[in-house]
């Protein structure tokens, strides 16, 4: 899942080397913290949060298929 998030986000940003994803395992849910460069944060969030929402939808679909729960948090 971590690789999927990195793949999607690196395709969106200008500086792919600044993308980092941290995975935090919990009891029932896995939290993914996404960090990108300051100039690229708008590209990841998108207008009215549509891009971020789309990424979250993909993550939820994949995690549900695996029988798990996942959440994406974008850190500035």
N, C-alpha and C. Protein backbone atom coordinates (compact mmCIF):
# COMPACT_ATOMS: atom_id res chain seq x y z
N UNK A 1 0.83 -1.19 0.00
CA UNK A 1 0.00 0.00 0.00
C UNK A 1 0.87 1.25 0.00
N UNK A 2 1.94 1.22 0.78
CA UNK A 2 2.86 2.34 0.85
C UNK A 2 3.44 2.66 -0.52
N UNK A 3 3.79 1.63 -1.27
CA UNK A 3 4.35 1.81 -2.60
C UNK A 3 3.32 2.40 -3.56
N UNK A 4 2.06 2.00 -3.39
CA UNK A 4 0.99 2.53 -4.23
C UNK A 4 0.82 4.03 -4.01
N UNK A 5 0.83 4.46 -2.76
CA UNK A 5 0.70 5.88 -2.43
C UNK A 5 1.87 6.66 -3.03
N UNK A 6 3.08 6.15 -2.84
CA UNK A 6 4.26 6.82 -3.39
C UNK A 6 4.18 6.91 -4.91
N UNK A 7 3.74 5.86 -5.56
CA UNK A 7 3.64 5.85 -7.02
C UNK A 7 2.66 6.92 -7.51
N UNK A 8 1.50 6.99 -6.89
CA UNK A 8 0.48 7.95 -7.30
C UNK A 8 0.96 9.38 -7.08
N UNK A 9 1.51 9.65 -5.90
CA UNK A 9 1.90 11.02 -5.55
C UNK A 9 3.11 11.47 -6.35
N UNK A 10 4.07 10.59 -6.57
CA UNK A 10 5.26 10.97 -7.35
C UNK A 10 4.89 11.34 -8.78
N UNK A 11 3.81 10.79 -9.30
CA UNK A 11 3.36 11.14 -10.64
C UNK A 11 2.74 12.54 -10.68
N UNK A 12 2.28 13.02 -9.54
CA UNK A 12 1.60 14.32 -9.48
C UNK A 12 2.54 15.50 -9.24
N UNK A 13 3.62 15.29 -8.50
CA UNK A 13 4.45 16.40 -8.03
C UNK A 13 5.60 16.71 -8.99
N UNK A 14 6.19 17.90 -8.81
CA UNK A 14 7.34 18.31 -9.61
C UNK A 14 8.64 17.72 -9.07
N UNK A 15 8.71 17.54 -7.74
CA UNK A 15 9.93 17.03 -7.09
C UNK A 15 9.64 15.69 -6.42
N UNK A 16 9.72 14.58 -7.17
CA UNK A 16 9.41 13.26 -6.59
C UNK A 16 10.33 12.84 -5.46
N UNK A 17 11.54 13.41 -5.40
CA UNK A 17 12.46 13.01 -4.34
C UNK A 17 12.03 13.51 -2.97
N UNK A 18 11.13 14.49 -2.92
CA UNK A 18 10.68 15.03 -1.63
C UNK A 18 9.49 14.26 -1.06
N UNK A 19 8.99 13.27 -1.79
CA UNK A 19 7.83 12.50 -1.33
C UNK A 19 8.28 11.43 -0.35
N UNK A 20 7.62 11.40 0.82
CA UNK A 20 7.89 10.33 1.78
C UNK A 20 6.57 9.89 2.42
N UNK A 21 6.45 8.60 2.62
CA UNK A 21 5.25 8.02 3.22
C UNK A 21 5.67 7.21 4.43
N UNK A 22 5.06 7.51 5.56
CA UNK A 22 5.35 6.79 6.80
C UNK A 22 4.11 5.95 7.16
N UNK A 23 4.34 4.68 7.43
CA UNK A 23 3.26 3.76 7.75
C UNK A 23 3.22 3.52 9.25
N UNK A 24 2.05 3.75 9.85
CA UNK A 24 1.87 3.54 11.29
C UNK A 24 0.78 2.49 11.47
N UNK A 25 1.18 1.33 11.99
CA UNK A 25 0.23 0.22 12.20
C UNK A 25 -0.49 0.41 13.52
N UNK A 26 -1.80 0.25 13.49
CA UNK A 26 -2.61 0.27 14.69
C UNK A 26 -3.30 -1.06 14.87
N UNK A 27 -4.19 -1.15 15.85
CA UNK A 27 -4.91 -2.40 16.09
C UNK A 27 -5.86 -2.72 14.94
N UNK A 28 -6.68 -1.72 14.56
CA UNK A 28 -7.69 -1.96 13.54
C UNK A 28 -7.46 -1.15 12.26
N UNK A 29 -6.58 -0.19 12.32
CA UNK A 29 -6.41 0.72 11.19
C UNK A 29 -4.93 1.00 10.96
N UNK A 30 -4.59 1.22 9.71
CA UNK A 30 -3.23 1.61 9.34
C UNK A 30 -3.26 3.06 8.88
N UNK A 31 -2.40 3.88 9.45
CA UNK A 31 -2.33 5.29 9.10
C UNK A 31 -1.11 5.54 8.24
N UNK A 32 -1.30 6.24 7.14
CA UNK A 32 -0.21 6.60 6.26
C UNK A 32 -0.04 8.11 6.30
N UNK A 33 1.15 8.55 6.69
CA UNK A 33 1.45 9.98 6.73
C UNK A 33 2.24 10.34 5.48
N UNK A 34 1.70 11.24 4.70
CA UNK A 34 2.32 11.65 3.44
C UNK A 34 2.94 13.03 3.61
N UNK A 35 4.20 13.14 3.24
CA UNK A 35 4.91 14.42 3.26
C UNK A 35 5.45 14.70 1.86
N UNK A 36 5.22 15.94 1.41
CA UNK A 36 5.75 16.39 0.12
C UNK A 36 6.37 17.77 0.31
N UNK A 37 7.06 18.26 -0.71
CA UNK A 37 7.66 19.58 -0.65
C UNK A 37 6.60 20.67 -0.56
N UNK A 38 6.98 21.82 -0.02
CA UNK A 38 6.02 22.92 0.15
C UNK A 38 5.40 23.37 -1.16
N UNK A 39 6.18 23.33 -2.24
CA UNK A 39 5.66 23.77 -3.53
C UNK A 39 4.67 22.78 -4.13
N UNK A 40 4.71 21.54 -3.70
CA UNK A 40 3.88 20.49 -4.28
C UNK A 40 2.63 20.17 -3.47
N UNK A 41 2.46 20.77 -2.31
CA UNK A 41 1.33 20.41 -1.45
C UNK A 41 -0.01 20.70 -2.13
N UNK A 42 -0.06 21.78 -2.88
CA UNK A 42 -1.30 22.13 -3.58
C UNK A 42 -1.66 21.12 -4.66
N UNK A 43 -0.65 20.55 -5.30
CA UNK A 43 -0.91 19.56 -6.35
C UNK A 43 -1.45 18.26 -5.77
N UNK A 44 -1.01 17.94 -4.57
CA UNK A 44 -1.48 16.70 -3.93
C UNK A 44 -2.89 16.88 -3.39
N UNK A 45 -3.20 18.06 -2.86
CA UNK A 45 -4.53 18.30 -2.31
C UNK A 45 -5.53 18.57 -3.43
N UNK A 46 -5.16 19.38 -4.40
CA UNK A 46 -6.05 19.66 -5.53
C UNK A 46 -7.08 20.71 -5.19
N UNK A 47 -7.86 21.10 -6.19
CA UNK A 47 -8.92 22.09 -5.97
C UNK A 47 -10.01 21.49 -5.12
N UNK A 48 -10.32 22.20 -4.04
CA UNK A 48 -11.33 21.77 -3.07
C UNK A 48 -11.06 20.37 -2.52
N UNK A 49 -9.81 19.94 -2.55
CA UNK A 49 -9.43 18.65 -1.98
C UNK A 49 -9.81 17.45 -2.82
N UNK A 50 -10.08 17.67 -4.08
CA UNK A 50 -10.54 16.57 -4.93
C UNK A 50 -9.46 15.53 -5.19
N UNK A 51 -8.23 15.97 -5.40
CA UNK A 51 -7.15 15.01 -5.66
C UNK A 51 -6.88 14.17 -4.42
N UNK A 52 -6.83 14.82 -3.26
CA UNK A 52 -6.61 14.09 -2.01
C UNK A 52 -7.76 13.12 -1.75
N UNK A 53 -8.96 13.54 -2.04
CA UNK A 53 -10.12 12.67 -1.85
C UNK A 53 -10.06 11.46 -2.78
N UNK A 54 -9.60 11.67 -4.00
CA UNK A 54 -9.47 10.56 -4.95
C UNK A 54 -8.42 9.56 -4.49
N UNK A 55 -7.30 10.07 -3.99
CA UNK A 55 -6.25 9.18 -3.48
C UNK A 55 -6.78 8.37 -2.30
N UNK A 56 -7.52 9.03 -1.42
CA UNK A 56 -8.10 8.34 -0.25
C UNK A 56 -9.10 7.27 -0.69
N UNK A 57 -9.88 7.55 -1.73
CA UNK A 57 -10.84 6.58 -2.24
C UNK A 57 -10.13 5.33 -2.75
N UNK A 58 -9.04 5.51 -3.47
CA UNK A 58 -8.26 4.38 -3.99
C UNK A 58 -7.69 3.56 -2.83
N UNK A 59 -7.15 4.25 -1.83
CA UNK A 59 -6.56 3.56 -0.67
C UNK A 59 -7.63 2.77 0.08
N UNK A 60 -8.81 3.37 0.27
CA UNK A 60 -9.89 2.67 0.96
C UNK A 60 -10.36 1.45 0.18
N UNK A 61 -10.42 1.56 -1.14
CA UNK A 61 -10.86 0.43 -1.95
C UNK A 61 -9.87 -0.73 -1.86
N UNK A 62 -8.58 -0.43 -1.95
CA UNK A 62 -7.56 -1.47 -1.88
C UNK A 62 -7.53 -2.11 -0.49
N UNK A 63 -7.59 -1.28 0.55
CA UNK A 63 -7.53 -1.82 1.91
C UNK A 63 -8.77 -2.64 2.25
N UNK A 64 -9.93 -2.22 1.78
CA UNK A 64 -11.15 -2.98 2.02
C UNK A 64 -11.09 -4.33 1.34
N UNK A 65 -10.52 -4.37 0.16
CA UNK A 65 -10.37 -5.63 -0.56
C UNK A 65 -9.45 -6.59 0.20
N UNK A 66 -8.49 -6.03 0.94
CA UNK A 66 -7.57 -6.83 1.75
C UNK A 66 -8.15 -7.14 3.13
N UNK A 67 -9.33 -6.61 3.43
CA UNK A 67 -9.96 -6.85 4.72
C UNK A 67 -9.39 -5.99 5.83
N UNK A 68 -8.85 -4.84 5.49
CA UNK A 68 -8.25 -3.94 6.47
C UNK A 68 -8.83 -2.56 6.33
N UNK A 69 -8.41 -1.63 7.19
CA UNK A 69 -8.79 -0.22 7.08
C UNK A 69 -7.52 0.60 7.00
N UNK A 70 -7.57 1.63 6.16
CA UNK A 70 -6.39 2.50 6.00
C UNK A 70 -6.87 3.95 5.91
N UNK A 71 -6.01 4.84 6.38
CA UNK A 71 -6.32 6.27 6.34
C UNK A 71 -5.07 7.02 5.87
N UNK A 72 -5.29 8.06 5.10
CA UNK A 72 -4.19 8.88 4.60
C UNK A 72 -4.25 10.25 5.24
N UNK A 73 -3.12 10.69 5.76
CA UNK A 73 -3.01 12.01 6.36
C UNK A 73 -1.91 12.75 5.61
N UNK A 74 -2.23 13.94 5.12
CA UNK A 74 -1.25 14.75 4.39
C UNK A 74 -0.66 15.76 5.36
N UNK A 75 0.64 15.65 5.58
CA UNK A 75 1.35 16.51 6.54
C UNK A 75 2.03 17.63 5.77
N UNK A 76 1.83 18.86 6.23
CA UNK A 76 2.48 20.01 5.58
C UNK A 76 3.86 20.24 6.14
